[in-house]
């Protein structure tokens, strides 16, 4: 408990994906998505910015996170239409994401600002248990993303 009688952390289970338990985990420093294997041998806490980075993982591969590459946008969009209302919002000062468990198919993560989404399979969610935060840094760094050029108002 803190000085005001509030608990230091609050955990709300969301369900399981394969052999991984998924929950919303709130601490005084912010909200996280907690992933924990059922045996309790491994766990990971992902903040909203790291989750937002996962939505770019299929287009910006990271060696430590061997996700199936390719265009899974259609599958993620369909999952969002079906499961989006049941999603859990996670937000900090840098990112706003929604996460939802999609039956037995996996974990849906959607960047609410950009509209990008990724549907992670149970195997891919298990991989996240072994990934270090520094392995996700390339996904969080957006400096190499190409922006659409804006027209110059001074040019004719």
N, C-alpha and C. Protein backbone atom coordinates (compact mmCIF):
# COMPACT_ATOMS: atom_id res chain seq x y z
N UNK A 1 0.83 -1.19 0.00
CA UNK A 1 0.00 0.00 0.00
C UNK A 1 0.88 1.25 0.00
N UNK A 2 0.40 2.28 -0.69
CA UNK A 2 1.13 3.54 -0.67
C UNK A 2 0.63 4.40 0.50
N UNK A 3 1.08 5.63 0.56
CA UNK A 3 0.71 6.51 1.67
C UNK A 3 -0.79 6.80 1.72
N UNK A 4 -1.47 6.65 0.59
CA UNK A 4 -2.90 6.95 0.53
C UNK A 4 -3.77 5.70 0.65
N UNK A 5 -3.15 4.57 0.95
CA UNK A 5 -3.90 3.33 1.13
C UNK A 5 -4.24 2.60 -0.16
N UNK A 6 -3.64 3.03 -1.28
CA UNK A 6 -3.88 2.35 -2.56
C UNK A 6 -2.87 1.22 -2.72
N UNK A 7 -3.25 0.14 -3.37
CA UNK A 7 -2.30 -0.95 -3.59
C UNK A 7 -1.19 -0.52 -4.55
N UNK A 8 0.01 -1.07 -4.36
CA UNK A 8 1.14 -0.73 -5.22
C UNK A 8 0.91 -1.19 -6.65
N UNK A 9 0.25 -2.31 -6.79
CA UNK A 9 -0.01 -2.81 -8.13
C UNK A 9 -1.38 -3.49 -8.16
N UNK A 10 -2.00 -3.41 -9.31
CA UNK A 10 -3.31 -4.02 -9.51
C UNK A 10 -3.21 -4.87 -10.77
N UNK A 11 -3.61 -6.12 -10.66
CA UNK A 11 -3.56 -7.01 -11.81
C UNK A 11 -4.96 -7.50 -12.13
N UNK A 12 -5.29 -7.45 -13.43
CA UNK A 12 -6.59 -7.95 -13.88
C UNK A 12 -6.35 -8.96 -14.99
N UNK A 13 -6.62 -10.24 -14.73
CA UNK A 13 -6.41 -11.26 -15.77
C UNK A 13 -7.32 -11.03 -16.97
N UNK A 14 -6.75 -11.22 -18.17
CA UNK A 14 -7.52 -11.09 -19.40
C UNK A 14 -7.82 -12.45 -20.01
N UNK A 15 -6.98 -13.45 -19.73
CA UNK A 15 -7.18 -14.79 -20.27
C UNK A 15 -5.86 -15.45 -20.61
N UNK A 16 -5.93 -16.47 -21.45
CA UNK A 16 -4.71 -17.17 -21.85
C UNK A 16 -4.63 -17.28 -23.37
N UNK A 17 -3.40 -17.29 -23.85
CA UNK A 17 -3.10 -17.52 -25.26
C UNK A 17 -2.12 -18.67 -25.28
N UNK A 18 -2.56 -19.82 -25.74
CA UNK A 18 -1.69 -20.99 -25.70
C UNK A 18 -1.34 -21.32 -24.26
N UNK A 19 -0.04 -21.33 -23.96
CA UNK A 19 0.42 -21.62 -22.59
C UNK A 19 0.79 -20.36 -21.83
N UNK A 20 0.33 -19.20 -22.29
CA UNK A 20 0.70 -17.93 -21.68
C UNK A 20 -0.52 -17.23 -21.09
N UNK A 21 -0.41 -16.86 -19.82
CA UNK A 21 -1.45 -16.08 -19.17
C UNK A 21 -1.22 -14.61 -19.48
N UNK A 22 -2.29 -13.90 -19.81
CA UNK A 22 -2.21 -12.49 -20.18
C UNK A 22 -3.03 -11.68 -19.19
N UNK A 23 -2.45 -10.58 -18.69
CA UNK A 23 -3.19 -9.74 -17.76
C UNK A 23 -2.77 -8.28 -17.90
N UNK A 24 -3.67 -7.41 -17.45
CA UNK A 24 -3.38 -5.98 -17.36
C UNK A 24 -2.75 -5.77 -15.99
N UNK A 25 -1.62 -5.08 -15.96
CA UNK A 25 -0.86 -4.92 -14.73
C UNK A 25 -0.59 -3.44 -14.52
N UNK A 26 -1.15 -2.86 -13.47
CA UNK A 26 -0.98 -1.43 -13.21
C UNK A 26 -0.09 -1.22 -12.00
N UNK A 27 0.87 -0.33 -12.15
CA UNK A 27 1.78 0.04 -11.07
C UNK A 27 1.77 1.56 -10.95
N UNK A 28 2.39 2.11 -9.92
CA UNK A 28 2.46 3.58 -9.82
C UNK A 28 3.18 4.23 -11.00
N UNK A 29 4.02 3.47 -11.71
CA UNK A 29 4.74 4.05 -12.85
C UNK A 29 4.03 3.83 -14.17
N UNK A 30 2.88 3.18 -14.17
CA UNK A 30 2.13 3.03 -15.41
C UNK A 30 1.57 1.63 -15.60
N UNK A 31 0.84 1.50 -16.69
CA UNK A 31 0.18 0.24 -17.01
C UNK A 31 1.08 -0.60 -17.92
N UNK A 32 0.99 -1.91 -17.76
CA UNK A 32 1.77 -2.85 -18.57
C UNK A 32 0.87 -4.02 -18.96
N UNK A 33 1.28 -4.73 -19.99
CA UNK A 33 0.66 -6.00 -20.32
C UNK A 33 1.59 -7.07 -19.75
N UNK A 34 1.06 -7.90 -18.88
CA UNK A 34 1.88 -8.94 -18.26
C UNK A 34 1.63 -10.25 -18.98
N UNK A 35 2.71 -10.88 -19.43
CA UNK A 35 2.66 -12.20 -20.04
C UNK A 35 3.41 -13.14 -19.11
N UNK A 36 2.81 -14.28 -18.79
CA UNK A 36 3.43 -15.21 -17.85
C UNK A 36 3.09 -16.63 -18.29
N UNK A 37 4.13 -17.48 -18.37
CA UNK A 37 3.83 -18.87 -18.73
C UNK A 37 3.16 -19.55 -17.54
N UNK A 38 2.38 -20.57 -17.84
CA UNK A 38 1.57 -21.22 -16.79
C UNK A 38 2.41 -21.86 -15.70
N UNK A 39 3.63 -22.28 -16.03
CA UNK A 39 4.50 -22.89 -15.02
C UNK A 39 5.15 -21.84 -14.13
N UNK A 40 5.06 -20.57 -14.50
CA UNK A 40 5.65 -19.50 -13.71
C UNK A 40 7.15 -19.36 -13.88
N UNK A 41 7.70 -19.95 -14.94
CA UNK A 41 9.15 -19.90 -15.15
C UNK A 41 9.60 -18.64 -15.88
N UNK A 42 8.70 -18.02 -16.63
CA UNK A 42 9.08 -16.83 -17.39
C UNK A 42 7.91 -15.86 -17.41
N UNK A 43 8.25 -14.57 -17.41
CA UNK A 43 7.22 -13.55 -17.55
C UNK A 43 7.83 -12.33 -18.21
N UNK A 44 6.97 -11.52 -18.80
CA UNK A 44 7.39 -10.30 -19.45
C UNK A 44 6.35 -9.22 -19.18
N UNK A 45 6.83 -8.00 -19.03
CA UNK A 45 5.96 -6.85 -18.84
C UNK A 45 6.21 -5.90 -20.01
N UNK A 46 5.21 -5.67 -20.83
CA UNK A 46 5.35 -4.81 -22.00
C UNK A 46 4.55 -3.53 -21.79
N UNK A 47 5.22 -2.39 -21.98
CA UNK A 47 4.50 -1.13 -21.82
C UNK A 47 3.81 -0.76 -23.14
N UNK A 48 2.92 0.23 -23.12
CA UNK A 48 2.18 0.57 -24.35
C UNK A 48 3.06 0.92 -25.55
N UNK A 49 4.20 1.56 -25.32
CA UNK A 49 5.08 1.92 -26.44
C UNK A 49 5.67 0.67 -27.09
N UNK A 50 6.06 -0.32 -26.28
CA UNK A 50 6.58 -1.57 -26.84
C UNK A 50 5.48 -2.32 -27.59
N UNK A 51 4.28 -2.30 -27.05
CA UNK A 51 3.16 -2.95 -27.74
C UNK A 51 2.86 -2.25 -29.06
N UNK A 52 2.93 -0.93 -29.08
CA UNK A 52 2.74 -0.19 -30.33
C UNK A 52 3.79 -0.61 -31.35
N UNK A 53 5.02 -0.79 -30.90
CA UNK A 53 6.09 -1.24 -31.79
C UNK A 53 5.82 -2.60 -32.39
N UNK A 54 5.15 -3.47 -31.65
CA UNK A 54 4.83 -4.80 -32.18
C UNK A 54 3.92 -4.72 -33.41
N UNK A 55 3.14 -3.66 -33.53
CA UNK A 55 2.27 -3.54 -34.70
C UNK A 55 3.08 -3.32 -35.97
N UNK A 56 4.35 -2.93 -35.84
CA UNK A 56 5.23 -2.75 -37.00
C UNK A 56 6.15 -3.95 -37.22
N UNK A 57 6.06 -4.97 -36.39
CA UNK A 57 7.01 -6.09 -36.43
C UNK A 57 6.97 -6.88 -37.73
N UNK A 58 5.83 -6.97 -38.37
CA UNK A 58 5.75 -7.74 -39.61
C UNK A 58 6.42 -7.02 -40.78
N UNK A 59 6.57 -5.70 -40.66
CA UNK A 59 7.15 -4.90 -41.73
C UNK A 59 8.58 -4.46 -41.43
N UNK A 60 8.96 -4.58 -40.18
CA UNK A 60 10.29 -4.15 -39.73
C UNK A 60 10.85 -5.28 -38.87
N UNK A 61 11.34 -6.36 -39.50
CA UNK A 61 11.76 -7.55 -38.75
C UNK A 61 12.87 -7.27 -37.74
N UNK A 62 12.80 -7.98 -36.63
CA UNK A 62 13.79 -7.90 -35.56
C UNK A 62 14.29 -9.33 -35.33
N UNK A 63 15.61 -9.56 -35.38
CA UNK A 63 16.14 -10.93 -35.25
C UNK A 63 15.68 -11.67 -33.99
N UNK A 64 15.59 -10.98 -32.87
CA UNK A 64 15.21 -11.65 -31.62
C UNK A 64 13.72 -12.01 -31.57
N UNK A 65 12.97 -11.49 -32.51
CA UNK A 65 11.52 -11.71 -32.53
C UNK A 65 11.12 -12.25 -33.90
N UNK A 66 11.34 -13.55 -34.13
CA UNK A 66 11.08 -14.11 -35.46
C UNK A 66 9.59 -14.31 -35.74
N UNK A 67 8.91 -13.21 -36.00
CA UNK A 67 7.50 -13.28 -36.35
C UNK A 67 7.36 -13.65 -37.81
N UNK A 68 6.25 -14.24 -38.14
CA UNK A 68 5.97 -14.53 -39.54
C UNK A 68 5.81 -13.21 -40.26
N UNK A 69 6.63 -13.01 -41.29
CA UNK A 69 6.54 -11.75 -42.02
C UNK A 69 5.48 -11.87 -43.10
N UNK A 70 5.18 -10.78 -43.69
CA UNK A 70 4.15 -10.77 -44.72
C UNK A 70 3.03 -9.86 -44.30
N UNK A 71 2.06 -9.76 -45.14
CA UNK A 71 0.97 -8.85 -44.89
C UNK A 71 -0.14 -9.56 -44.12
N UNK A 72 -0.14 -9.41 -42.81
CA UNK A 72 -1.19 -9.96 -41.99
C UNK A 72 -2.23 -8.93 -41.65
N UNK A 73 -2.21 -7.80 -42.39
CA UNK A 73 -3.12 -6.69 -42.09
C UNK A 73 -4.57 -7.09 -42.25
N UNK A 74 -4.87 -7.89 -43.27
CA UNK A 74 -6.26 -8.29 -43.50
C UNK A 74 -6.77 -9.17 -42.36
N UNK A 75 -5.94 -10.10 -41.93
CA UNK A 75 -6.31 -10.99 -40.82
C UNK A 75 -6.49 -10.18 -39.53
N UNK A 76 -5.59 -9.23 -39.27
CA UNK A 76 -5.70 -8.40 -38.07
C UNK A 76 -6.93 -7.50 -38.14
N UNK A 77 -7.23 -6.97 -39.32
CA UNK A 77 -8.41 -6.11 -39.47
C UNK A 77 -9.70 -6.90 -39.22
N UNK A 78 -9.75 -8.12 -39.72
CA UNK A 78 -10.92 -8.97 -39.49
C UNK A 78 -11.06 -9.30 -38.01
N UNK A 79 -9.94 -9.60 -37.36
CA UNK A 79 -9.97 -9.89 -35.93
C UNK A 79 -10.44 -8.67 -35.14
N UNK A 80 -10.01 -7.47 -35.57
CA UNK A 80 -10.42 -6.26 -34.87
C UNK A 80 -11.93 -6.04 -34.99
N UNK A 81 -12.48 -6.28 -36.18
CA UNK A 81 -13.93 -6.12 -36.36
C UNK A 81 -14.71 -7.06 -35.44
N UNK A 82 -14.16 -8.25 -35.23
CA UNK A 82 -14.85 -9.24 -34.41
C UNK A 82 -14.61 -9.04 -32.92
N UNK A 83 -13.36 -8.76 -32.54
CA UNK A 83 -12.98 -8.76 -31.13
C UNK A 83 -12.68 -7.37 -30.57
N UNK A 84 -12.73 -6.34 -31.38
CA UNK A 84 -12.34 -4.99 -30.95
C UNK A 84 -13.12 -4.45 -29.77
N UNK A 85 -14.41 -4.76 -29.71
CA UNK A 85 -15.22 -4.26 -28.60
C UNK A 85 -14.80 -4.84 -27.26
N UNK A 86 -14.16 -6.00 -27.29
CA UNK A 86 -13.73 -6.66 -26.05
C UNK A 86 -12.29 -6.29 -25.69
N UNK A 87 -11.72 -5.32 -26.38
CA UNK A 87 -10.32 -5.00 -26.17
C UNK A 87 -10.10 -4.22 -24.88
N UNK A 88 -8.88 -4.29 -24.43
CA UNK A 88 -8.44 -3.58 -23.23
C UNK A 88 -7.49 -2.47 -23.68
N UNK A 89 -7.76 -1.23 -23.27
CA UNK A 89 -6.91 -0.10 -23.66
C UNK A 89 -5.76 0.05 -22.67
N UNK A 90 -4.56 0.26 -23.21
CA UNK A 90 -3.39 0.54 -22.41
C UNK A 90 -2.77 1.82 -22.95
N UNK A 91 -2.52 2.77 -22.06
CA UNK A 91 -2.05 4.08 -22.51
C UNK A 91 -1.00 4.62 -21.55
N UNK A 92 0.00 5.29 -22.13
CA UNK A 92 0.91 6.11 -21.35
C UNK A 92 1.10 7.41 -22.12
N UNK A 93 2.09 8.20 -21.74
CA UNK A 93 2.26 9.50 -22.40
C UNK A 93 2.78 9.38 -23.83
N UNK A 94 3.22 8.19 -24.24
CA UNK A 94 3.80 8.01 -25.56
C UNK A 94 2.94 7.20 -26.52
N UNK A 95 2.06 6.37 -26.02
CA UNK A 95 1.33 5.46 -26.90
C UNK A 95 -0.04 5.10 -26.33
N UNK A 96 -0.94 4.75 -27.24
CA UNK A 96 -2.26 4.25 -26.89
C UNK A 96 -2.51 3.02 -27.75
N UNK A 97 -2.66 1.88 -27.10
CA UNK A 97 -2.90 0.62 -27.80
C UNK A 97 -4.12 -0.07 -27.21
N UNK A 98 -4.67 -0.98 -27.99
CA UNK A 98 -5.74 -1.85 -27.52
C UNK A 98 -5.26 -3.28 -27.71
N UNK A 99 -5.52 -4.12 -26.74
CA UNK A 99 -5.16 -5.54 -26.84
C UNK A 99 -6.42 -6.36 -26.60
N UNK A 100 -6.52 -7.46 -27.32
CA UNK A 100 -7.67 -8.35 -27.16
C UNK A 100 -7.21 -9.78 -27.39
N UNK A 101 -7.77 -10.69 -26.63
CA UNK A 101 -7.52 -12.10 -26.86
C UNK A 101 -8.50 -12.55 -27.94
N UNK A 102 -7.97 -13.22 -28.95
CA UNK A 102 -8.77 -13.64 -30.09
C UNK A 102 -8.94 -15.15 -30.03
N UNK A 103 -9.86 -15.58 -29.20
CA UNK A 103 -10.11 -17.01 -29.06
C UNK A 103 -8.83 -17.80 -28.88
N UNK A 104 -8.65 -18.81 -29.70
CA UNK A 104 -7.43 -19.61 -29.64
C UNK A 104 -6.39 -19.14 -30.65
N UNK A 105 -6.73 -18.13 -31.46
CA UNK A 105 -5.82 -17.66 -32.50
C UNK A 105 -4.65 -16.87 -31.97
N UNK A 106 -4.83 -16.14 -30.89
CA UNK A 106 -3.72 -15.39 -30.35
C UNK A 106 -4.10 -14.07 -29.72
N UNK A 107 -3.16 -13.15 -29.77
CA UNK A 107 -3.27 -11.85 -29.14
C UNK A 107 -3.29 -10.77 -30.21
N UNK A 108 -4.32 -9.96 -30.20
CA UNK A 108 -4.46 -8.85 -31.13
C UNK A 108 -3.97 -7.58 -30.46
N UNK A 109 -3.05 -6.88 -31.12
CA UNK A 109 -2.53 -5.60 -30.62
C UNK A 109 -2.80 -4.56 -31.69
N UNK A 110 -3.43 -3.45 -31.31
CA UNK A 110 -3.76 -2.40 -32.28
C UNK A 110 -3.28 -1.05 -31.77
N UNK A 111 -2.52 -0.36 -32.61
CA UNK A 111 -2.09 1.00 -32.34
C UNK A 111 -3.30 1.89 -32.63
N UNK A 112 -3.87 2.50 -31.61
CA UNK A 112 -5.10 3.26 -31.78
C UNK A 112 -4.86 4.59 -32.49
N UNK A 113 -3.63 5.09 -32.51
CA UNK A 113 -3.35 6.34 -33.20
C UNK A 113 -3.13 6.13 -34.70
N UNK A 114 -2.34 5.13 -35.06
CA UNK A 114 -2.02 4.89 -36.47
C UNK A 114 -2.97 3.91 -37.14
N UNK A 115 -3.68 3.12 -36.35
CA UNK A 115 -4.60 2.15 -36.92
C UNK A 115 -3.94 0.84 -37.32
N UNK A 116 -2.63 0.70 -37.11
CA UNK A 116 -1.94 -0.56 -37.43
C UNK A 116 -2.31 -1.62 -36.40
N UNK A 117 -2.39 -2.85 -36.84
CA UNK A 117 -2.71 -3.94 -35.93
C UNK A 117 -1.90 -5.17 -36.30
N UNK A 118 -1.68 -6.02 -35.32
CA UNK A 118 -0.99 -7.29 -35.55
C UNK A 118 -1.70 -8.35 -34.72
N UNK A 119 -1.83 -9.52 -35.31
CA UNK A 119 -2.41 -10.67 -34.61
C UNK A 119 -1.28 -11.65 -34.36
N UNK A 120 -0.90 -11.81 -33.10
CA UNK A 120 0.21 -12.68 -32.73
C UNK A 120 -0.31 -14.08 -32.41
N UNK A 121 0.32 -15.08 -32.99
CA UNK A 121 -0.07 -16.47 -32.73
C UNK A 121 0.37 -16.87 -31.33
N UNK A 122 -0.16 -17.96 -30.79
CA UNK A 122 0.30 -18.42 -29.47
C UNK A 122 1.81 -18.64 -29.42
N UNK A 123 2.40 -19.16 -30.49
CA UNK A 123 3.85 -19.37 -30.53
C UNK A 123 4.59 -18.03 -30.45
N UNK A 124 4.10 -17.02 -31.15
CA UNK A 124 4.74 -15.70 -31.13
C UNK A 124 4.60 -15.04 -29.77
N UNK A 125 3.48 -15.26 -29.10
CA UNK A 125 3.31 -14.71 -27.75
C UNK A 125 4.30 -15.37 -26.80
N UNK A 126 4.54 -16.67 -26.96
CA UNK A 126 5.53 -17.35 -26.12
C UNK A 126 6.93 -16.80 -26.36
N UNK A 127 7.24 -16.44 -27.59
CA UNK A 127 8.55 -15.86 -27.89
C UNK A 127 8.74 -14.55 -27.13
N UNK A 128 7.67 -13.78 -26.96
CA UNK A 128 7.77 -12.51 -26.23
C UNK A 128 8.22 -12.69 -24.79
N UNK A 129 8.01 -13.88 -24.22
CA UNK A 129 8.46 -14.14 -22.85
C UNK A 129 9.98 -14.13 -22.74
N UNK A 130 10.67 -14.42 -23.82
CA UNK A 130 12.13 -14.51 -23.79
C UNK A 130 12.83 -13.30 -24.40
N UNK A 131 12.06 -12.37 -24.93
CA UNK A 131 12.65 -11.19 -25.56
C UNK A 131 12.97 -10.15 -24.50
N UNK A 132 14.14 -9.54 -24.63
CA UNK A 132 14.53 -8.47 -23.71
C UNK A 132 14.01 -7.13 -24.24
N UNK A 133 13.88 -6.17 -23.35
CA UNK A 133 13.37 -4.85 -23.76
C UNK A 133 14.25 -4.23 -24.84
N UNK A 134 15.57 -4.41 -24.73
CA UNK A 134 16.45 -3.81 -25.73
C UNK A 134 16.28 -4.46 -27.11
N UNK A 135 15.76 -5.69 -27.15
CA UNK A 135 15.49 -6.34 -28.43
C UNK A 135 14.33 -5.67 -29.15
N UNK A 136 13.44 -5.05 -28.39
CA UNK A 136 12.28 -4.38 -28.98
C UNK A 136 12.58 -2.93 -29.39
N UNK A 137 13.76 -2.43 -29.03
CA UNK A 137 14.12 -1.04 -29.32
C UNK A 137 13.98 -0.67 -30.79
N UNK A 138 14.39 -1.52 -31.74
CA UNK A 138 14.22 -1.13 -33.15
C UNK A 138 12.75 -0.92 -33.54
N UNK A 139 11.84 -1.60 -32.88
CA UNK A 139 10.42 -1.42 -33.19
C UNK A 139 9.88 -0.12 -32.61
N UNK A 140 10.46 0.31 -31.52
CA UNK A 140 10.02 1.55 -30.87
C UNK A 140 10.58 2.76 -31.60
N UNK A 141 11.78 2.62 -32.16
CA UNK A 141 12.43 3.71 -32.89
C UNK A 141 11.75 3.90 -34.24
N UNK A 142 11.14 5.04 -34.44
CA UNK A 142 10.43 5.31 -35.69
C UNK A 142 11.20 6.24 -36.62
N UNK A 143 12.47 6.48 -36.34
CA UNK A 143 13.24 7.44 -37.13
C UNK A 143 13.44 7.00 -38.58
N UNK A 144 13.35 5.69 -38.85
CA UNK A 144 13.55 5.24 -40.23
C UNK A 144 12.25 5.05 -41.00
N UNK A 145 11.13 5.36 -40.38
CA UNK A 145 9.87 5.26 -41.10
C UNK A 145 9.76 6.43 -42.08
N UNK A 146 9.26 6.15 -43.24
CA UNK A 146 9.17 7.16 -44.28
C UNK A 146 7.84 7.91 -44.13
N UNK A 147 7.94 9.20 -44.06
CA UNK A 147 6.74 10.02 -43.98
C UNK A 147 6.36 10.50 -45.37
N UNK A 148 5.09 10.71 -45.59
CA UNK A 148 4.65 11.25 -46.87
C UNK A 148 5.05 12.71 -46.94
N UNK A 149 5.68 13.12 -48.04
CA UNK A 149 6.10 14.52 -48.13
C UNK A 149 4.88 15.44 -48.26
N UNK A 150 4.99 16.57 -47.60
CA UNK A 150 3.92 17.56 -47.69
C UNK A 150 4.26 18.56 -48.78
N UNK A 151 3.27 19.05 -49.49
CA UNK A 151 3.57 20.03 -50.54
C UNK A 151 4.10 21.32 -49.93
N UNK A 152 5.05 21.90 -50.63
CA UNK A 152 5.63 23.17 -50.19
C UNK A 152 4.71 24.29 -50.65
N UNK A 153 4.20 25.07 -49.72
CA UNK A 153 3.25 26.12 -50.07
C UNK A 153 3.91 27.26 -50.84
N UNK A 154 5.25 27.36 -50.77
CA UNK A 154 5.95 28.43 -51.47
C UNK A 154 6.24 28.08 -52.93
N UNK A 155 6.14 26.80 -53.28
CA UNK A 155 6.39 26.40 -54.66
C UNK A 155 5.12 26.54 -55.49
N UNK A 156 5.31 26.85 -56.75
CA UNK A 156 4.15 26.97 -57.64
C UNK A 156 3.88 25.68 -58.35
